[in-house]
Amino acid sequence: DLIKQANDTVYGLSAGIWTRDIGKAHRFAKEVKAGTVWINCYNQFDAASPFGGFKQSGFGRELGEHALELYTQVKSVWVALD
């Protein structure tokens, strides 16, 4: 089983698949434990798209809105105005 073999590692930075069957490619992307999945291409990046791995392949995300979450904290402030 391709998915089982692909997931049988402590790493999960990225994965790629080449196929004419787009349904098979989407099933692969859904089931593989990788932070980025390329379909019929490889090593494509966009600054607006988060990049980072699963498992032992990184901490958090680089690029995109998700990368900013590492540098921020959510805070609630309540003020009574009466």
PDB file of N, CA and C in Angstrom:
ATOM      1  N   ASP A   1       0.849  -1.186   0.000  1.00  0.00           N
ATOM      2  CA  ASP A   1       0.000   0.000   0.000  1.00  0.00           C
ATOM      3  C   ASP A   1       0.891   1.245   0.000  1.00  0.00           C
ATOM      4  N   LEU A   2       0.714   2.087  -0.985  1.00  0.00           N
ATOM      5  CA  LEU A   2       1.536   3.284  -1.165  1.00  0.00           C
ATOM      6  C   LEU A   2       1.443   4.232   0.027  1.00  0.00           C
ATOM      7  N   ILE A   3       0.253   4.464   0.525  1.00  0.00           N
ATOM      8  CA  ILE A   3       0.072   5.380   1.654  1.00  0.00           C
ATOM      9  C   ILE A   3       0.803   4.862   2.888  1.00  0.00           C
ATOM     10  N   LYS A   4       0.656   3.587   3.170  1.00  0.00           N
ATOM     11  CA  LYS A   4       1.322   2.996   4.338  1.00  0.00           C
ATOM     12  C   LYS A   4       2.838   3.136   4.220  1.00  0.00           C
ATOM     13  N   GLN A   5       3.365   2.890   3.041  1.00  0.00           N
ATOM     14  CA  GLN A   5       4.805   3.007   2.817  1.00  0.00           C
ATOM     15  C   GLN A   5       5.256   4.464   2.961  1.00  0.00           C
ATOM     16  N   ALA A   6       4.491   5.392   2.412  1.00  0.00           N
ATOM     17  CA  ALA A   6       4.851   6.810   2.501  1.00  0.00           C
ATOM     18  C   ALA A   6       4.810   7.313   3.943  1.00  0.00           C
ATOM     19  N   ASN A   7       3.889   6.796   4.737  1.00  0.00           N
ATOM     20  CA  ASN A   7       3.746   7.241   6.122  1.00  0.00           C
ATOM     21  C   ASN A   7       4.663   6.507   7.093  1.00  0.00           C
ATOM     22  N   ASP A   8       5.375   5.494   6.632  1.00  0.00           N
ATOM     23  CA  ASP A   8       6.231   4.682   7.498  1.00  0.00           C
ATOM     24  C   ASP A   8       7.594   5.343   7.698  1.00  0.00           C
ATOM     25  N   THR A   9       7.595   6.521   8.281  1.00  0.00           N
ATOM     26  CA  THR A   9       8.801   7.283   8.552  1.00  0.00           C
ATOM     27  C   THR A   9       8.512   8.261   9.678  1.00  0.00           C
ATOM     28  N   VAL A  10       9.560   8.723  10.350  1.00  0.00           N
ATOM     29  CA  VAL A  10       9.368   9.718  11.398  1.00  0.00           C
ATOM     30  C   VAL A  10       9.270  11.125  10.811  1.00  0.00           C
ATOM     31  N   TYR A  11       9.496  11.249   9.518  1.00  0.00           N
ATOM     32  CA  TYR A  11       9.474  12.553   8.865  1.00  0.00           C
ATOM     33  C   TYR A  11       8.172  12.771   8.112  1.00  0.00           C
ATOM     34  N   GLY A  12       7.854  14.024   7.854  1.00  0.00           N
ATOM     35  CA  GLY A  12       6.632  14.330   7.129  1.00  0.00           C
ATOM     36  C   GLY A  12       6.645  15.736   6.573  1.00  0.00           C
ATOM     37  N   LEU A  13       7.779  16.164   6.034  1.00  0.00           N
ATOM     38  CA  LEU A  13       7.869  17.526   5.517  1.00  0.00           C
ATOM     39  C   LEU A  13       7.025  17.698   4.268  1.00  0.00           C
ATOM     40  N   SER A  14       7.222  16.825   3.285  1.00  0.00           N
ATOM     41  CA  SER A  14       6.480  16.971   2.035  1.00  0.00           C
ATOM     42  C   SER A  14       6.388  15.635   1.320  1.00  0.00           C
ATOM     43  N   ALA A  15       5.490  15.595   0.352  1.00  0.00           N
ATOM     44  CA  ALA A  15       5.303  14.397  -0.463  1.00  0.00           C
ATOM     45  C   ALA A  15       4.850  14.840  -1.844  1.00  0.00           C
ATOM     46  N   GLY A  16       5.072  13.986  -2.816  1.00  0.00           N
ATOM     47  CA  GLY A  16       4.637  14.288  -4.174  1.00  0.00           C
ATOM     48  C   GLY A  16       4.128  13.044  -4.860  1.00  0.00           C
ATOM     49  N   ILE A  17       3.212  13.239  -5.786  1.00  0.00           N
ATOM     50  CA  ILE A  17       2.663  12.124  -6.559  1.00  0.00           C
ATOM     51  C   ILE A  17       2.437  12.594  -7.992  1.00  0.00           C
ATOM     52  N   TRP A  18       2.771  11.727  -8.924  1.00  0.00           N
ATOM     53  CA  TRP A  18       2.500  11.962 -10.332  1.00  0.00           C
ATOM     54  C   TRP A  18       1.479  10.923 -10.786  1.00  0.00           C
ATOM     55  N   THR A  19       0.376  11.381 -11.324  1.00  0.00           N
ATOM     56  CA  THR A  19      -0.668  10.477 -11.787  1.00  0.00           C
ATOM     57  C   THR A  19      -1.612  11.221 -12.722  1.00  0.00           C
ATOM     58  N   ARG A  20      -2.289  10.458 -13.574  1.00  0.00           N
ATOM     59  CA  ARG A  20      -3.335  11.042 -14.420  1.00  0.00           C
ATOM     60  C   ARG A  20      -4.690  10.989 -13.722  1.00  0.00           C
ATOM     61  N   ASP A  21      -4.767  10.210 -12.639  1.00  0.00           N
ATOM     62  CA  ASP A  21      -6.014  10.026 -11.898  1.00  0.00           C
ATOM     63  C   ASP A  21      -6.077  11.050 -10.763  1.00  0.00           C
ATOM     64  N   ILE A  22      -6.763  12.165 -10.987  1.00  0.00           N
ATOM     65  CA  ILE A  22      -6.788  13.246 -10.003  1.00  0.00           C
ATOM     66  C   ILE A  22      -7.502  12.819  -8.721  1.00  0.00           C
ATOM     67  N   GLY A  23      -8.467  11.921  -8.828  1.00  0.00           N
ATOM     68  CA  GLY A  23      -9.135  11.392  -7.639  1.00  0.00           C
ATOM     69  C   GLY A  23      -8.168  10.635  -6.753  1.00  0.00           C
ATOM     70  N   LYS A  24      -7.320   9.817  -7.372  1.00  0.00           N
ATOM     71  CA  LYS A  24      -6.297   9.072  -6.634  1.00  0.00           C
ATOM     72  C   LYS A  24      -5.313  10.044  -5.976  1.00  0.00           C
ATOM     73  N   ALA A  25      -4.968  11.104  -6.690  1.00  0.00           N
ATOM     74  CA  ALA A  25      -4.037  12.093  -6.148  1.00  0.00           C
ATOM     75  C   ALA A  25      -4.625  12.780  -4.918  1.00  0.00           C
ATOM     76  N   HIS A  26      -5.896  13.125  -4.969  1.00  0.00           N
ATOM     77  CA  HIS A  26      -6.532  13.782  -3.823  1.00  0.00           C
ATOM     78  C   HIS A  26      -6.668  12.826  -2.634  1.00  0.00           C
ATOM     79  N   ARG A  27      -6.928  11.560  -2.887  1.00  0.00           N
ATOM     80  CA  ARG A  27      -6.968  10.578  -1.796  1.00  0.00           C
ATOM     81  C   ARG A  27      -5.590  10.455  -1.150  1.00  0.00           C
ATOM     82  N   PHE A  28      -4.551  10.428  -1.983  1.00  0.00           N
ATOM     83  CA  PHE A  28      -3.180  10.379  -1.479  1.00  0.00           C
ATOM     84  C   PHE A  28      -2.901  11.601  -0.605  1.00  0.00           C
ATOM     85  N   ALA A  29      -3.257  12.790  -1.105  1.00  0.00           N
ATOM     86  CA  ALA A  29      -3.007  14.028  -0.365  1.00  0.00           C
ATOM     87  C   ALA A  29      -3.730  14.031   0.978  1.00  0.00           C
ATOM     88  N   LYS A  30      -4.921  13.477   1.006  1.00  0.00           N
ATOM     89  CA  LYS A  30      -5.700  13.443   2.243  1.00  0.00           C
ATOM     90  C   LYS A  30      -5.097  12.485   3.267  1.00  0.00           C
ATOM     91  N   GLU A  31      -4.582  11.360   2.821  1.00  0.00           N
ATOM     92  CA  GLU A  31      -4.136  10.305   3.727  1.00  0.00           C
ATOM     93  C   GLU A  31      -2.657  10.350   4.098  1.00  0.00           C
ATOM     94  N   VAL A  32      -1.829  10.952   3.261  1.00  0.00           N
ATOM     95  CA  VAL A  32      -0.400  10.979   3.568  1.00  0.00           C
ATOM     96  C   VAL A  32      -0.141  11.998   4.683  1.00  0.00           C
ATOM     97  N   LYS A  33       0.747  11.656   5.594  1.00  0.00           N
ATOM     98  CA  LYS A  33       1.068  12.537   6.717  1.00  0.00           C
ATOM     99  C   LYS A  33       2.273  13.402   6.344  1.00  0.00           C
ATOM    100  N   ALA A  34       1.989  14.462   5.608  1.00  0.00           N
ATOM    101  CA  ALA A  34       3.016  15.397   5.165  1.00  0.00           C
ATOM    102  C   ALA A  34       2.442  16.807   5.185  1.00  0.00           C
ATOM    103  N   GLY A  35       3.291  17.767   5.506  1.00  0.00           N
ATOM    104  CA  GLY A  35       2.844  19.151   5.602  1.00  0.00           C
ATOM    105  C   GLY A  35       2.517  19.786   4.271  1.00  0.00           C
ATOM    106  N   THR A  36       3.165  19.349   3.212  1.00  0.00           N
ATOM    107  CA  THR A  36       2.908  19.842   1.860  1.00  0.00           C
ATOM    108  C   THR A  36       2.820  18.647   0.931  1.00  0.00           C
ATOM    109  N   VAL A  37       1.845  18.664   0.050  1.00  0.00           N
ATOM    110  CA  VAL A  37       1.712  17.603  -0.954  1.00  0.00           C
ATOM    111  C   VAL A  37       1.655  18.262  -2.325  1.00  0.00           C
ATOM    112  N   TRP A  38       2.551  17.843  -3.205  1.00  0.00           N
ATOM    113  CA  TRP A  38       2.569  18.328  -4.580  1.00  0.00           C
ATOM    114  C   TRP A  38       1.977  17.255  -5.479  1.00  0.00           C
ATOM    115  N   ILE A  39       1.098  17.658  -6.380  1.00  0.00           N
ATOM    116  CA  ILE A  39       0.471  16.744  -7.331  1.00  0.00           C
ATOM    117  C   ILE A  39       0.918  17.141  -8.734  1.00  0.00           C
ATOM    118  N   ASN A  40       1.599  16.223  -9.401  1.00  0.00           N
ATOM    119  CA  ASN A  40       2.111  16.425 -10.766  1.00  0.00           C
ATOM    120  C   ASN A  40       3.048  17.626 -10.873  1.00  0.00           C
ATOM    121  N   CYS A  41       3.708  17.958  -9.791  1.00  0.00           N
ATOM    122  CA  CYS A  41       4.725  19.010  -9.761  1.00  0.00           C
ATOM    123  C   CYS A  41       5.545  18.771  -8.498  1.00  0.00           C
ATOM    124  N   TYR A  42       6.581  19.553  -8.299  1.00  0.00           N
ATOM    125  CA  TYR A  42       7.359  19.408  -7.075  1.00  0.00           C
ATOM    126  C   TYR A  42       8.103  20.698  -6.799  1.00  0.00           C
ATOM    127  N   ASN A  43       8.275  20.998  -5.522  1.00  0.00           N
ATOM    128  CA  ASN A  43       9.054  22.147  -5.084  1.00  0.00           C
ATOM    129  C   ASN A  43       8.446  23.478  -5.498  1.00  0.00           C
ATOM    130  N   GLN A  44       7.133  23.555  -5.547  1.00  0.00           N
ATOM    131  CA  GLN A  44       6.437  24.802  -5.855  1.00  0.00           C
ATOM    132  C   GLN A  44       6.099  25.497  -4.539  1.00  0.00           C
ATOM    133  N   PHE A  45       6.292  26.807  -4.475  1.00  0.00           N
ATOM    134  CA  PHE A  45       6.019  27.562  -3.255  1.00  0.00           C
ATOM    135  C   PHE A  45       5.293  28.848  -3.587  1.00  0.00           C
ATOM    136  N   ASP A  46       4.563  29.342  -2.610  1.00  0.00           N
ATOM    137  CA  ASP A  46       3.906  30.637  -2.696  1.00  0.00           C
ATOM    138  C   ASP A  46       4.007  31.254  -1.306  1.00  0.00           C
ATOM    139  N   ALA A  47       4.410  32.503  -1.228  1.00  0.00           N
ATOM    140  CA  ALA A  47       4.602  33.152   0.071  1.00  0.00           C
ATOM    141  C   ALA A  47       3.326  33.213   0.894  1.00  0.00           C
ATOM    142  N   ALA A  48       2.171  33.121   0.266  1.00  0.00           N
ATOM    143  CA  ALA A  48       0.900  33.167   0.990  1.00  0.00           C
ATOM    144  C   ALA A  48       0.462  31.798   1.487  1.00  0.00           C
ATOM    145  N   SER A  49       1.156  30.761   1.087  1.00  0.00           N
ATOM    146  CA  SER A  49       0.779  29.398   1.456  1.00  0.00           C
ATOM    147  C   SER A  49       1.692  28.884   2.564  1.00  0.00           C
ATOM    148  N   PRO A  50       1.124  28.376   3.665  1.00  0.00           N
ATOM    149  CA  PRO A  50       1.968  27.895   4.758  1.00  0.00           C
ATOM    150  C   PRO A  50       2.817  26.700   4.353  1.00  0.00           C
ATOM    151  N   PHE A  51       4.035  26.640   4.886  1.00  0.00           N
ATOM    152  CA  PHE A  51       4.931  25.533   4.596  1.00  0.00           C
ATOM    153  C   PHE A  51       5.507  25.018   5.901  1.00  0.00           C
ATOM    154  N   GLY A  52       5.474  23.724   6.097  1.00  0.00           N
ATOM    155  CA  GLY A  52       6.039  23.095   7.280  1.00  0.00           C
ATOM    156  C   GLY A  52       5.635  21.638   7.310  1.00  0.00           C
ATOM    157  N   GLY A  53       6.288  20.882   8.161  1.00  0.00           N
ATOM    158  CA  GLY A  53       6.085  19.446   8.153  1.00  0.00           C
ATOM    159  C   GLY A  53       5.266  18.906   9.300  1.00  0.00           C
ATOM    160  N   PHE A  54       4.982  17.628   9.202  1.00  0.00           N
ATOM    161  CA  PHE A  54       4.340  16.861  10.259  1.00  0.00           C
ATOM    162  C   PHE A  54       5.431  16.043  10.947  1.00  0.00           C
ATOM    163  N   LYS A  55       5.091  15.419  12.032  1.00  0.00           N
ATOM    164  CA  LYS A  55       5.969  14.503  12.768  1.00  0.00           C
ATOM    165  C   LYS A  55       7.270  15.200  13.166  1.00  0.00           C
ATOM    166  N   GLN A  56       8.424  14.609  12.842  1.00  0.00           N
ATOM    167  CA  GLN A  56       9.726  15.152  13.228  1.00  0.00           C
ATOM    168  C   GLN A  56      10.285  16.121  12.184  1.00  0.00           C
ATOM    169  N   SER A  57       9.444  16.621  11.310  1.00  0.00           N
ATOM    170  CA  SER A  57       9.909  17.497  10.226  1.00  0.00           C
ATOM    171  C   SER A  57       9.551  18.951  10.462  1.00  0.00           C
ATOM    172  N   GLY A  58       9.778  19.421  11.630  1.00  0.00           N
ATOM    173  CA  GLY A  58       9.587  20.841  11.828  1.00  0.00           C
ATOM    174  C   GLY A  58       8.638  21.185  12.951  1.00  0.00           C
ATOM    175  N   PHE A  59       8.670  22.447  13.283  1.00  0.00           N
ATOM    176  CA  PHE A  59       7.860  22.986  14.355  1.00  0.00           C
ATOM    177  C   PHE A  59       7.117  24.182  13.799  1.00  0.00           C
ATOM    178  N   GLY A  60       5.823  24.087  13.702  1.00  0.00           N
ATOM    179  CA  GLY A  60       5.045  25.204  13.201  1.00  0.00           C
ATOM    180  C   GLY A  60       5.098  25.326  11.689  1.00  0.00           C
ATOM    181  N   ARG A  61       4.767  26.500  11.206  1.00  0.00           N
ATOM    182  CA  ARG A  61       4.698  26.759   9.774  1.00  0.00           C
ATOM    183  C   ARG A  61       5.507  27.993   9.425  1.00  0.00           C
ATOM    184  N   GLU A  62       6.071  27.977   8.240  1.00  0.00           N
ATOM    185  CA  GLU A  62       6.724  29.147   7.670  1.00  0.00           C
ATOM    186  C   GLU A  62       5.838  29.639   6.539  1.00  0.00           C
ATOM    187  N   LEU A  63       5.966  30.886   6.220  1.00  0.00           N
ATOM    188  CA  LEU A  63       5.209  31.519   5.140  1.00  0.00           C
ATOM    189  C   LEU A  63       3.725  31.602   5.482  1.00  0.00           C
ATOM    190  N   GLY A  64       3.031  32.458   4.814  1.00  0.00           N
ATOM    191  CA  GLY A  64       1.592  32.570   4.992  1.00  0.00           C
ATOM    192  C   GLY A  64       1.172  33.099   6.356  1.00  0.00           C
ATOM    193  N   GLU A  65      -0.125  33.228   6.511  1.00  0.00           N
ATOM    194  CA  GLU A  65      -0.725  33.742   7.742  1.00  0.00           C
ATOM    195  C   GLU A  65      -0.404  32.867   8.952  1.00  0.00           C
ATOM    196  N   HIS A  66      -0.334  31.551   8.759  1.00  0.00           N
ATOM    197  CA  HIS A  66      -0.076  30.641   9.872  1.00  0.00           C
ATOM    198  C   HIS A  66       1.302  30.862  10.497  1.00  0.00           C
ATOM    199  N   ALA A  67       2.259  31.350   9.738  1.00  0.00           N
ATOM    200  CA  ALA A  67       3.594  31.598  10.279  1.00  0.00           C
ATOM    201  C   ALA A  67       3.568  32.704  11.325  1.00  0.00           C
ATOM    202  N   LEU A  68       2.679  33.663  11.163  1.00  0.00           N
ATOM    203  CA  LEU A  68       2.594  34.773  12.110  1.00  0.00           C
ATOM    204  C   LEU A  68       2.088  34.323  13.473  1.00  0.00           C
ATOM    205  N   GLU A  69       1.369  33.213  13.527  1.00  0.00           N
ATOM    206  CA  GLU A  69       0.828  32.727  14.790  1.00  0.00           C
ATOM    207  C   GLU A  69       1.928  32.387  15.792  1.00  0.00           C
ATOM    208  N   LEU A  70       3.122  32.045  15.315  1.00  0.00           N
ATOM    209  CA  LEU A  70       4.234  31.752  16.223  1.00  0.00           C
ATOM    210  C   LEU A  70       4.700  32.989  16.977  1.00  0.00           C
ATOM    211  N   TYR A  71       4.409  34.172  16.432  1.00  0.00           N
ATOM    212  CA  TYR A  71       4.895  35.411  17.014  1.00  0.00           C
ATOM    213  C   TYR A  71       3.801  36.201  17.720  1.00  0.00           C
ATOM    214  N   THR A  72       2.612  35.648  17.815  1.00  0.00           N
ATOM    215  CA  THR A  72       1.504  36.368  18.424  1.00  0.00           C
ATOM    216  C   THR A  72       0.824  35.517  19.484  1.00  0.00           C
ATOM    217  N   GLN A  73       0.080  36.174  20.335  1.00  0.00           N
ATOM    218  CA  GLN A  73      -0.758  35.507  21.320  1.00  0.00           C
ATOM    219  C   GLN A  73      -2.100  36.212  21.331  1.00  0.00           C
ATOM    220  N   VAL A  74      -3.144  35.441  21.503  1.00  0.00           N
ATOM    221  CA  VAL A  74      -4.485  36.001  21.570  1.00  0.00           C
ATOM    222  C   VAL A  74      -4.742  36.459  22.998  1.00  0.00           C
ATOM    223  N   LYS A  75      -5.329  37.644  23.131  1.00  0.00           N
ATOM    224  CA  LYS A  75      -5.640  38.170  24.454  1.00  0.00           C
ATOM    225  C   LYS A  75      -7.026  38.793  24.409  1.00  0.00           C
ATOM    226  N   SER A  76      -7.825  38.544  25.433  1.00  0.00           N
ATOM    227  CA  SER A  76      -9.130  39.191  25.578  1.00  0.00           C
ATOM    228  C   SER A  76      -9.003  40.295  26.610  1.00  0.00           C
ATOM    229  N   VAL A  77      -9.540  41.466  26.293  1.00  0.00           N
ATOM    230  CA  VAL A  77      -9.532  42.595  27.221  1.00  0.00           C
ATOM    231  C   VAL A  77     -10.967  43.074  27.377  1.00  0.00           C
ATOM    232  N   TRP A  78     -11.448  43.107  28.608  1.00  0.00           N
ATOM    233  CA  TRP A  78     -12.812  43.544  28.906  1.00  0.00           C
ATOM    234  C   TRP A  78     -12.739  44.857  29.678  1.00  0.00           C
ATOM    235  N   VAL A  79     -13.504  45.849  29.249  1.00  0.00           N
ATOM    236  CA  VAL A  79     -13.528  47.145  29.922  1.00  0.00           C
ATOM    237  C   VAL A  79     -14.973  47.500  30.237  1.00  0.00           C
ATOM    238  N   ALA A  80     -15.259  47.769  31.489  1.00  0.00           N
ATOM    239  CA  ALA A  80     -16.593  48.237  31.877  1.00  0.00           C
ATOM    240  C   ALA A  80     -16.631  49.746  31.686  1.00  0.00           C
ATOM    241  N   LEU A  81     -17.582  50.226  30.939  1.00  0.00           N
ATOM    242  CA  LEU A  81     -17.663  51.657  30.645  1.00  0.00           C
ATOM    243  C   LEU A  81     -18.781  52.349  31.414  1.00  0.00           C
ATOM    244  N   ASP A  82     -19.302  51.723  32.447  1.00  0.00           N
ATOM    245  CA  ASP A  82     -20.386  52.355  33.206  1.00  0.00           C
ATOM    246  C   ASP A  82     -19.908  52.901  34.523  1.00  0.00           C
TER     247      ASP A  82
END
